[in-house]
Amino acid sequence: EMMDKPMTAAVEDFVHAGYDLNAE
């Protein structure tokens, strides 16, 4: 699966999955 930066920011704020918010 692939997620772009706007999506990772949205889900990280929601579930705190540990995603890299600096990644594109």
mmCIF file of all heavy atoms, coordinates in Angstrom:
data_MODEL
# 
_entry.id   MODEL 
# 
loop_
_atom_site.group_PDB 
_atom_site.id 
_atom_site.type_symbol 
_atom_site.label_atom_id 
_atom_site.label_alt_id 
_atom_site.label_comp_id 
_atom_site.label_asym_id 
_atom_site.label_entity_id 
_atom_site.label_seq_id 
_atom_site.pdbx_PDB_ins_code 
_atom_site.Cartn_x 
_atom_site.Cartn_y 
_atom_site.Cartn_z 
_atom_site.occupancy 
_atom_site.B_iso_or_equiv 
_atom_site.pdbx_formal_charge 
_atom_site.auth_seq_id 
_atom_site.auth_comp_id 
_atom_site.auth_asym_id 
_atom_site.auth_atom_id 
_atom_site.pdbx_PDB_model_num 
ATOM 1   N N   . GLU A 1 1  ? 0.828   -1.204 0.000  1.00 0.00 ? 1  GLU A N   1 
ATOM 2   C CA  . GLU A 1 1  ? 0.000   0.000  0.000  1.00 0.00 ? 1  GLU A CA  1 
ATOM 3   C C   . GLU A 1 1  ? 0.861   1.252  0.000  1.00 0.00 ? 1  GLU A C   1 
ATOM 4   O O   . GLU A 1 1  ? 1.993   1.242  0.489  1.00 0.00 ? 1  GLU A O   1 
ATOM 5   C CB  . GLU A 1 1  ? -0.902  0.023  1.233  1.00 0.00 ? 1  GLU A CB  1 
ATOM 6   C CG  . GLU A 1 1  ? -1.822  -1.179 1.341  1.00 0.00 ? 1  GLU A CG  1 
ATOM 7   C CD  . GLU A 1 1  ? -2.951  -1.143 0.333  1.00 0.00 ? 1  GLU A CD  1 
ATOM 8   O OE1 . GLU A 1 1  ? -3.699  -0.149 0.302  1.00 0.00 ? 1  GLU A OE1 1 
ATOM 9   O OE2 . GLU A 1 1  ? -3.104  -2.115 -0.431 1.00 0.00 ? 1  GLU A OE2 1 
ATOM 10  N N   . MET A 1 2  ? 0.287   2.340  -0.523 1.00 0.00 ? 2  MET A N   1 
ATOM 11  C CA  . MET A 1 2  ? 1.005   3.603  -0.604 1.00 0.00 ? 2  MET A CA  1 
ATOM 12  C C   . MET A 1 2  ? 0.105   4.737  -0.126 1.00 0.00 ? 2  MET A C   1 
ATOM 13  O O   . MET A 1 2  ? -1.100  4.749  -0.407 1.00 0.00 ? 2  MET A O   1 
ATOM 14  C CB  . MET A 1 2  ? 1.450   3.854  -2.049 1.00 0.00 ? 2  MET A CB  1 
ATOM 15  C CG  . MET A 1 2  ? 2.259   5.119  -2.260 1.00 0.00 ? 2  MET A CG  1 
ATOM 16  S SD  . MET A 1 2  ? 2.884   5.156  -3.981 1.00 0.00 ? 2  MET A SD  1 
ATOM 17  C CE  . MET A 1 2  ? 3.608   6.783  -4.055 1.00 0.00 ? 2  MET A CE  1 
ATOM 18  N N   . MET A 1 3  ? 0.659   5.678  0.621  1.00 0.00 ? 3  MET A N   1 
ATOM 19  C CA  . MET A 1 3  ? -0.063  6.877  1.054  1.00 0.00 ? 3  MET A CA  1 
ATOM 20  C C   . MET A 1 3  ? 0.822   8.092  0.823  1.00 0.00 ? 3  MET A C   1 
ATOM 21  O O   . MET A 1 3  ? 2.031   8.025  1.063  1.00 0.00 ? 3  MET A O   1 
ATOM 22  C CB  . MET A 1 3  ? -0.432  6.780  2.539  1.00 0.00 ? 3  MET A CB  1 
ATOM 23  C CG  . MET A 1 3  ? -1.545  5.797  2.837  1.00 0.00 ? 3  MET A CG  1 
ATOM 24  S SD  . MET A 1 3  ? -1.980  5.736  4.601  1.00 0.00 ? 3  MET A SD  1 
ATOM 25  C CE  . MET A 1 3  ? -0.665  4.697  5.211  1.00 0.00 ? 3  MET A CE  1 
ATOM 26  N N   . ASP A 1 4  ? 0.209   9.191  0.375  1.00 0.00 ? 4  ASP A N   1 
ATOM 27  C CA  . ASP A 1 4  ? 0.993   10.405 0.192  1.00 0.00 ? 4  ASP A CA  1 
ATOM 28  C C   . ASP A 1 4  ? 1.006   11.221 1.486  1.00 0.00 ? 4  ASP A C   1 
ATOM 29  O O   . ASP A 1 4  ? 0.366   10.869 2.483  1.00 0.00 ? 4  ASP A O   1 
ATOM 30  C CB  . ASP A 1 4  ? 0.488   11.218 -1.000 1.00 0.00 ? 4  ASP A CB  1 
ATOM 31  C CG  . ASP A 1 4  ? -0.895  11.827 -0.788 1.00 0.00 ? 4  ASP A CG  1 
ATOM 32  O OD1 . ASP A 1 4  ? -1.479  11.650 0.297  1.00 0.00 ? 4  ASP A OD1 1 
ATOM 33  O OD2 . ASP A 1 4  ? -1.395  12.487 -1.725 1.00 0.00 ? 4  ASP A OD2 1 
ATOM 34  N N   . LYS A 1 5  ? 1.736   12.318 1.474  1.00 0.00 ? 5  LYS A N   1 
ATOM 35  C CA  . LYS A 1 5  ? 1.958   13.105 2.686  1.00 0.00 ? 5  LYS A CA  1 
ATOM 36  C C   . LYS A 1 5  ? 0.666   13.653 3.309  1.00 0.00 ? 5  LYS A C   1 
ATOM 37  O O   . LYS A 1 5  ? 0.483   13.550 4.529  1.00 0.00 ? 5  LYS A O   1 
ATOM 38  C CB  . LYS A 1 5  ? 2.935   14.245 2.379  1.00 0.00 ? 5  LYS A CB  1 
ATOM 39  C CG  . LYS A 1 5  ? 3.470   14.959 3.614  1.00 0.00 ? 5  LYS A CG  1 
ATOM 40  C CD  . LYS A 1 5  ? 4.590   15.926 3.221  1.00 0.00 ? 5  LYS A CD  1 
ATOM 41  C CE  . LYS A 1 5  ? 5.276   16.511 4.455  1.00 0.00 ? 5  LYS A CE  1 
ATOM 42  N NZ  . LYS A 1 5  ? 6.426   17.374 4.052  1.00 0.00 ? 5  LYS A NZ  1 
ATOM 43  N N   . PRO A 1 6  ? -0.263  14.214 2.529  1.00 0.00 ? 6  PRO A N   1 
ATOM 44  C CA  . PRO A 1 6  ? -1.510  14.688 3.140  1.00 0.00 ? 6  PRO A CA  1 
ATOM 45  C C   . PRO A 1 6  ? -2.290  13.579 3.831  1.00 0.00 ? 6  PRO A C   1 
ATOM 46  O O   . PRO A 1 6  ? -2.881  13.791 4.900  1.00 0.00 ? 6  PRO A O   1 
ATOM 47  C CB  . PRO A 1 6  ? -2.285  15.278 1.958  1.00 0.00 ? 6  PRO A CB  1 
ATOM 48  C CG  . PRO A 1 6  ? -1.235  15.661 0.973  1.00 0.00 ? 6  PRO A CG  1 
ATOM 49  C CD  . PRO A 1 6  ? -0.183  14.607 1.107  1.00 0.00 ? 6  PRO A CD  1 
ATOM 50  N N   . MET A 1 7  ? -2.277  12.388 3.233  1.00 0.00 ? 7  MET A N   1 
ATOM 51  C CA  . MET A 1 7  ? -3.025  11.291 3.847  1.00 0.00 ? 7  MET A CA  1 
ATOM 52  C C   . MET A 1 7  ? -2.350  10.799 5.121  1.00 0.00 ? 7  MET A C   1 
ATOM 53  O O   . MET A 1 7  ? -3.020  10.529 6.124  1.00 0.00 ? 7  MET A O   1 
ATOM 54  C CB  . MET A 1 7  ? -3.174  10.135 2.846  1.00 0.00 ? 7  MET A CB  1 
ATOM 55  C CG  . MET A 1 7  ? -3.982  8.959  3.405  1.00 0.00 ? 7  MET A CG  1 
ATOM 56  S SD  . MET A 1 7  ? -5.638  9.423  3.946  1.00 0.00 ? 7  MET A SD  1 
ATOM 57  C CE  . MET A 1 7  ? -6.483  9.533  2.367  1.00 0.00 ? 7  MET A CE  1 
ATOM 58  N N   . THR A 1 8  ? -1.040  10.668 5.110  1.00 0.00 ? 8  THR A N   1 
ATOM 59  C CA  . THR A 1 8  ? -0.359  10.202 6.325  1.00 0.00 ? 8  THR A CA  1 
ATOM 60  C C   . THR A 1 8  ? -0.564  11.185 7.472  1.00 0.00 ? 8  THR A C   1 
ATOM 61  O O   . THR A 1 8  ? -0.724  10.784 8.627  1.00 0.00 ? 8  THR A O   1 
ATOM 62  C CB  . THR A 1 8  ? 1.147   9.994  6.081  1.00 0.00 ? 8  THR A CB  1 
ATOM 63  O OG1 . THR A 1 8  ? 1.723   11.194 5.567  1.00 0.00 ? 8  THR A OG1 1 
ATOM 64  C CG2 . THR A 1 8  ? 1.394   8.862  5.106  1.00 0.00 ? 8  THR A CG2 1 
ATOM 65  N N   . ALA A 1 9  ? -0.593  12.481 7.149  1.00 0.00 ? 9  ALA A N   1 
ATOM 66  C CA  . ALA A 1 9  ? -0.829  13.487 8.192  1.00 0.00 ? 9  ALA A CA  1 
ATOM 67  C C   . ALA A 1 9  ? -2.223  13.329 8.778  1.00 0.00 ? 9  ALA A C   1 
ATOM 68  O O   . ALA A 1 9  ? -2.415  13.415 10.002 1.00 0.00 ? 9  ALA A O   1 
ATOM 69  C CB  . ALA A 1 9  ? -0.646  14.889 7.620  1.00 0.00 ? 9  ALA A CB  1 
ATOM 70  N N   . ALA A 1 10 ? -3.208  13.073 7.922  1.00 0.00 ? 10 ALA A N   1 
ATOM 71  C CA  . ALA A 1 10 ? -4.589  12.934 8.382  1.00 0.00 ? 10 ALA A CA  1 
ATOM 72  C C   . ALA A 1 10 ? -4.754  11.708 9.272  1.00 0.00 ? 10 ALA A C   1 
ATOM 73  O O   . ALA A 1 10 ? -5.374  11.778 10.351 1.00 0.00 ? 10 ALA A O   1 
ATOM 74  C CB  . ALA A 1 10 ? -5.535  12.846 7.183  1.00 0.00 ? 10 ALA A CB  1 
ATOM 75  N N   . VAL A 1 11 ? -4.186  10.573 8.862  1.00 0.00 ? 11 VAL A N   1 
ATOM 76  C CA  . VAL A 1 11 ? -4.397  9.348  9.637  1.00 0.00 ? 11 VAL A CA  1 
ATOM 77  C C   . VAL A 1 11 ? -3.541  9.326  10.906 1.00 0.00 ? 11 VAL A C   1 
ATOM 78  O O   . VAL A 1 11 ? -3.952  8.764  11.930 1.00 0.00 ? 11 VAL A O   1 
ATOM 79  C CB  . VAL A 1 11 ? -4.137  8.082  8.786  1.00 0.00 ? 11 VAL A CB  1 
ATOM 80  C CG1 . VAL A 1 11 ? -5.109  8.009  7.629  1.00 0.00 ? 11 VAL A CG1 1 
ATOM 81  C CG2 . VAL A 1 11 ? -2.709  8.029  8.273  1.00 0.00 ? 11 VAL A CG2 1 
ATOM 82  N N   . GLU A 1 12 ? -2.354  9.937  10.838 1.00 0.00 ? 12 GLU A N   1 
ATOM 83  C CA  . GLU A 1 12 ? -1.501  9.946  12.025 1.00 0.00 ? 12 GLU A CA  1 
ATOM 84  C C   . GLU A 1 12 ? -2.159  10.748 13.151 1.00 0.00 ? 12 GLU A C   1 
ATOM 85  O O   . GLU A 1 12 ? -2.117  10.359 14.328 1.00 0.00 ? 12 GLU A O   1 
ATOM 86  C CB  . GLU A 1 12 ? -0.131  10.535 11.692 1.00 0.00 ? 12 GLU A CB  1 
ATOM 87  C CG  . GLU A 1 12 ? 0.851   10.542 12.860 1.00 0.00 ? 12 GLU A CG  1 
ATOM 88  C CD  . GLU A 1 12 ? 1.182   9.156  13.386 1.00 0.00 ? 12 GLU A CD  1 
ATOM 89  O OE1 . GLU A 1 12 ? 0.975   8.166  12.644 1.00 0.00 ? 12 GLU A OE1 1 
ATOM 90  O OE2 . GLU A 1 12 ? 1.634   9.051  14.545 1.00 0.00 ? 12 GLU A OE2 1 
ATOM 91  N N   . ASP A 1 13 ? -2.803  11.838 12.791 1.00 0.00 ? 13 ASP A N   1 
ATOM 92  C CA  . ASP A 1 13 ? -3.500  12.646 13.789 1.00 0.00 ? 13 ASP A CA  1 
ATOM 93  C C   . ASP A 1 13 ? -4.701  11.900 14.366 1.00 0.00 ? 13 ASP A C   1 
ATOM 94  O O   . ASP A 1 13 ? -5.117  12.176 15.487 1.00 0.00 ? 13 ASP A O   1 
ATOM 95  C CB  . ASP A 1 13 ? -3.951  13.963 13.145 1.00 0.00 ? 13 ASP A CB  1 
ATOM 96  C CG  . ASP A 1 13 ? -4.552  14.923 14.155 1.00 0.00 ? 13 ASP A CG  1 
ATOM 97  O OD1 . ASP A 1 13 ? -3.888  15.214 15.164 1.00 0.00 ? 13 ASP A OD1 1 
ATOM 98  O OD2 . ASP A 1 13 ? -5.694  15.372 13.939 1.00 0.00 ? 13 ASP A OD2 1 
ATOM 99  N N   . PHE A 1 14 ? -5.214  10.936 13.607 1.00 0.00 ? 14 PHE A N   1 
ATOM 100 C CA  . PHE A 1 14 ? -6.416  10.200 14.002 1.00 0.00 ? 14 PHE A CA  1 
ATOM 101 C C   . PHE A 1 14 ? -6.087  8.962  14.841 1.00 0.00 ? 14 PHE A C   1 
ATOM 102 O O   . PHE A 1 14 ? -6.652  8.744  15.913 1.00 0.00 ? 14 PHE A O   1 
ATOM 103 C CB  . PHE A 1 14 ? -7.200  9.811  12.746 1.00 0.00 ? 14 PHE A CB  1 
ATOM 104 C CG  . PHE A 1 14 ? -8.491  9.094  13.002 1.00 0.00 ? 14 PHE A CG  1 
ATOM 105 C CD1 . PHE A 1 14 ? -9.339  9.454  14.049 1.00 0.00 ? 14 PHE A CD1 1 
ATOM 106 C CD2 . PHE A 1 14 ? -8.885  8.060  12.167 1.00 0.00 ? 14 PHE A CD2 1 
ATOM 107 C CE1 . PHE A 1 14 ? -10.542 8.796  14.266 1.00 0.00 ? 14 PHE A CE1 1 
ATOM 108 C CE2 . PHE A 1 14 ? -10.093 7.389  12.372 1.00 0.00 ? 14 PHE A CE2 1 
ATOM 109 C CZ  . PHE A 1 14 ? -10.912 7.766  13.424 1.00 0.00 ? 14 PHE A CZ  1 
ATOM 110 N N   . VAL A 1 15 ? -5.137  8.125  14.367 1.00 0.00 ? 15 VAL A N   1 
ATOM 111 C CA  . VAL A 1 15 ? -4.893  6.837  15.039 1.00 0.00 ? 15 VAL A CA  1 
ATOM 112 C C   . VAL A 1 15 ? -3.498  6.709  15.645 1.00 0.00 ? 15 VAL A C   1 
ATOM 113 O O   . VAL A 1 15 ? -3.221  5.727  16.337 1.00 0.00 ? 15 VAL A O   1 
ATOM 114 C CB  . VAL A 1 15 ? -5.126  5.658  14.060 1.00 0.00 ? 15 VAL A CB  1 
ATOM 115 C CG1 . VAL A 1 15 ? -6.557  5.639  13.571 1.00 0.00 ? 15 VAL A CG1 1 
ATOM 116 C CG2 . VAL A 1 15 ? -4.164  5.706  12.877 1.00 0.00 ? 15 VAL A CG2 1 
ATOM 117 N N   . HIS A 1 16 ? -2.607  7.654  15.359 1.00 0.00 ? 16 HIS A N   1 
ATOM 118 C CA  . HIS A 1 16 ? -1.248  7.624  15.923 1.00 0.00 ? 16 HIS A CA  1 
ATOM 119 C C   . HIS A 1 16 ? -0.549  6.291  15.619 1.00 0.00 ? 16 HIS A C   1 
ATOM 120 O O   . HIS A 1 16 ? -0.131  5.560  16.508 1.00 0.00 ? 16 HIS A O   1 
ATOM 121 C CB  . HIS A 1 16 ? -1.294  7.871  17.438 1.00 0.00 ? 16 HIS A CB  1 
ATOM 122 C CG  . HIS A 1 16 ? -2.092  9.078  17.814 1.00 0.00 ? 16 HIS A CG  1 
ATOM 123 N ND1 . HIS A 1 16 ? -1.718  10.364 17.465 1.00 0.00 ? 16 HIS A ND1 1 
ATOM 124 C CD2 . HIS A 1 16 ? -3.274  9.189  18.487 1.00 0.00 ? 16 HIS A CD2 1 
ATOM 125 C CE1 . HIS A 1 16 ? -2.621  11.220 17.921 1.00 0.00 ? 16 HIS A CE1 1 
ATOM 126 N NE2 . HIS A 1 16 ? -3.571  10.542 18.539 1.00 0.00 ? 16 HIS A NE2 1 
ATOM 127 N N   . ALA A 1 17 ? -0.435  6.028  14.306 1.00 0.00 ? 17 ALA A N   1 
ATOM 128 C CA  . ALA A 1 17 ? 0.149   4.763  13.857 1.00 0.00 ? 17 ALA A CA  1 
ATOM 129 C C   . ALA A 1 17 ? 1.673   4.783  13.829 1.00 0.00 ? 17 ALA A C   1 
ATOM 130 O O   . ALA A 1 17 ? 2.303   3.761  13.597 1.00 0.00 ? 17 ALA A O   1 
ATOM 131 C CB  . ALA A 1 17 ? -0.372  4.422  12.454 1.00 0.00 ? 17 ALA A CB  1 
ATOM 132 N N   . GLY A 1 18 ? 2.281   5.947  14.072 1.00 0.00 ? 18 GLY A N   1 
ATOM 133 C CA  . GLY A 1 18 ? 3.732   6.038  14.036 1.00 0.00 ? 18 GLY A CA  1 
ATOM 134 C C   . GLY A 1 18 ? 4.286   6.346  12.670 1.00 0.00 ? 18 GLY A C   1 
ATOM 135 O O   . GLY A 1 18 ? 5.444   6.025  12.368 1.00 0.00 ? 18 GLY A O   1 
ATOM 136 N N   . TYR A 1 19 ? 3.496   6.997  11.804 1.00 0.00 ? 19 TYR A N   1 
ATOM 137 C CA  . TYR A 1 19 ? 3.929   7.296  10.449 1.00 0.00 ? 19 TYR A CA  1 
ATOM 138 C C   . TYR A 1 19 ? 4.930   8.454  10.420 1.00 0.00 ? 19 TYR A C   1 
ATOM 139 O O   . TYR A 1 19 ? 4.897   9.345  11.264 1.00 0.00 ? 19 TYR A O   1 
ATOM 140 C CB  . TYR A 1 19 ? 2.728   7.647  9.569  1.00 0.00 ? 19 TYR A CB  1 
ATOM 141 C CG  . TYR A 1 19 ? 1.807   6.487  9.269  1.00 0.00 ? 19 TYR A CG  1 
ATOM 142 C CD1 . TYR A 1 19 ? 0.510   6.707  8.821  1.00 0.00 ? 19 TYR A CD1 1 
ATOM 143 C CD2 . TYR A 1 19 ? 2.226   5.174  9.429  1.00 0.00 ? 19 TYR A CD2 1 
ATOM 144 C CE1 . TYR A 1 19 ? -0.340  5.653  8.538  1.00 0.00 ? 19 TYR A CE1 1 
ATOM 145 C CE2 . TYR A 1 19 ? 1.386   4.108  9.145  1.00 0.00 ? 19 TYR A CE2 1 
ATOM 146 C CZ  . TYR A 1 19 ? 0.105   4.359  8.696  1.00 0.00 ? 19 TYR A CZ  1 
ATOM 147 O OH  . TYR A 1 19 ? -0.732  3.312  8.424  1.00 0.00 ? 19 TYR A OH  1 
ATOM 148 N N   . ASP A 1 20 ? 5.786   8.432  9.423  1.00 0.00 ? 20 ASP A N   1 
ATOM 149 C CA  . ASP A 1 20 ? 6.791   9.468  9.208  1.00 0.00 ? 20 ASP A CA  1 
ATOM 150 C C   . ASP A 1 20 ? 6.117   10.662 8.533  1.00 0.00 ? 20 ASP A C   1 
ATOM 151 O O   . ASP A 1 20 ? 5.795   10.618 7.337  1.00 0.00 ? 20 ASP A O   1 
ATOM 152 C CB  . ASP A 1 20 ? 7.907   8.903  8.325  1.00 0.00 ? 20 ASP A CB  1 
ATOM 153 C CG  . ASP A 1 20 ? 9.027   9.897  8.087  1.00 0.00 ? 20 ASP A CG  1 
ATOM 154 O OD1 . ASP A 1 20 ? 8.888   11.072 8.484  1.00 0.00 ? 20 ASP A OD1 1 
ATOM 155 O OD2 . ASP A 1 20 ? 10.037  9.495  7.469  1.00 0.00 ? 20 ASP A OD2 1 
ATOM 156 N N   . LEU A 1 21 ? 5.910   11.728 9.275  1.00 0.00 ? 21 LEU A N   1 
ATOM 157 C CA  . LEU A 1 21 ? 5.199   12.883 8.743  1.00 0.00 ? 21 LEU A CA  1 
ATOM 158 C C   . LEU A 1 21 ? 6.063   13.751 7.837  1.00 0.00 ? 21 LEU A C   1 
ATOM 159 O O   . LEU A 1 21 ? 5.563   14.667 7.186  1.00 0.00 ? 21 LEU A O   1 
ATOM 160 C CB  . LEU A 1 21 ? 4.645   13.725 9.892  1.00 0.00 ? 21 LEU A CB  1 
ATOM 161 C CG  . LEU A 1 21 ? 3.593   13.025 10.770 1.00 0.00 ? 21 LEU A CG  1 
ATOM 162 C CD1 . LEU A 1 21 ? 3.123   13.947 11.881 1.00 0.00 ? 21 LEU A CD1 1 
ATOM 163 C CD2 . LEU A 1 21 ? 2.417   12.560 9.927  1.00 0.00 ? 21 LEU A CD2 1 
ATOM 164 N N   . ASN A 1 22 ? 7.369   13.482 7.797  1.00 0.00 ? 22 ASN A N   1 
ATOM 165 C CA  . ASN A 1 22 ? 8.251   14.237 6.899  1.00 0.00 ? 22 ASN A CA  1 
ATOM 166 C C   . ASN A 1 22 ? 8.334   13.610 5.516  1.00 0.00 ? 22 ASN A C   1 
ATOM 167 O O   . ASN A 1 22 ? 8.815   14.240 4.568  1.00 0.00 ? 22 ASN A O   1 
ATOM 168 C CB  . ASN A 1 22 ? 9.654   14.325 7.493  1.00 0.00 ? 22 ASN A CB  1 
ATOM 169 C CG  . ASN A 1 22 ? 9.690   15.155 8.774  1.00 0.00 ? 22 ASN A CG  1 
ATOM 170 O OD1 . ASN A 1 22 ? 9.072   16.217 8.834  1.00 0.00 ? 22 ASN A OD1 1 
ATOM 171 N ND2 . ASN A 1 22 ? 10.387  14.665 9.784  1.00 0.00 ? 22 ASN A ND2 1 
ATOM 172 N N   . ALA A 1 23 ? 7.863   12.381 5.385  1.00 0.00 ? 23 ALA A N   1 
ATOM 173 C CA  . ALA A 1 23 ? 7.960   11.669 4.108  1.00 0.00 ? 23 ALA A CA  1 
ATOM 174 C C   . ALA A 1 23 ? 6.943   12.211 3.110  1.00 0.00 ? 23 ALA A C   1 
ATOM 175 O O   . ALA A 1 23 ? 5.810   12.541 3.469  1.00 0.00 ? 23 ALA A O   1 
ATOM 176 C CB  . ALA A 1 23 ? 7.736   10.172 4.328  1.00 0.00 ? 23 ALA A CB  1 
ATOM 177 N N   . GLU A 1 24 ? 7.335   12.277 1.854  1.00 0.00 ? 24 GLU A N   1 
ATOM 178 C CA  . GLU A 1 24 ? 6.396   12.658 0.794  1.00 0.00 ? 24 GLU A CA  1 
ATOM 179 C C   . GLU A 1 24 ? 5.440   11.510 0.498  1.00 0.00 ? 24 GLU A C   1 
ATOM 180 O O   . GLU A 1 24 ? 4.322   11.733 0.036  1.00 0.00 ? 24 GLU A O   1 
ATOM 181 C CB  . GLU A 1 24 ? 7.158   13.048 -0.474 1.00 0.00 ? 24 GLU A CB  1 
ATOM 182 C CG  . GLU A 1 24 ? 7.944   14.340 -0.356 1.00 0.00 ? 24 GLU A CG  1 
ATOM 183 C CD  . GLU A 1 24 ? 7.046   15.530 -0.066 1.00 0.00 ? 24 GLU A CD  1 
ATOM 184 O OE1 . GLU A 1 24 ? 5.952   15.623 -0.684 1.00 0.00 ? 24 GLU A OE1 1 
ATOM 185 O OE2 . GLU A 1 24 ? 7.414   16.369 0.794  1.00 0.00 ? 24 GLU A OE2 1 
# 
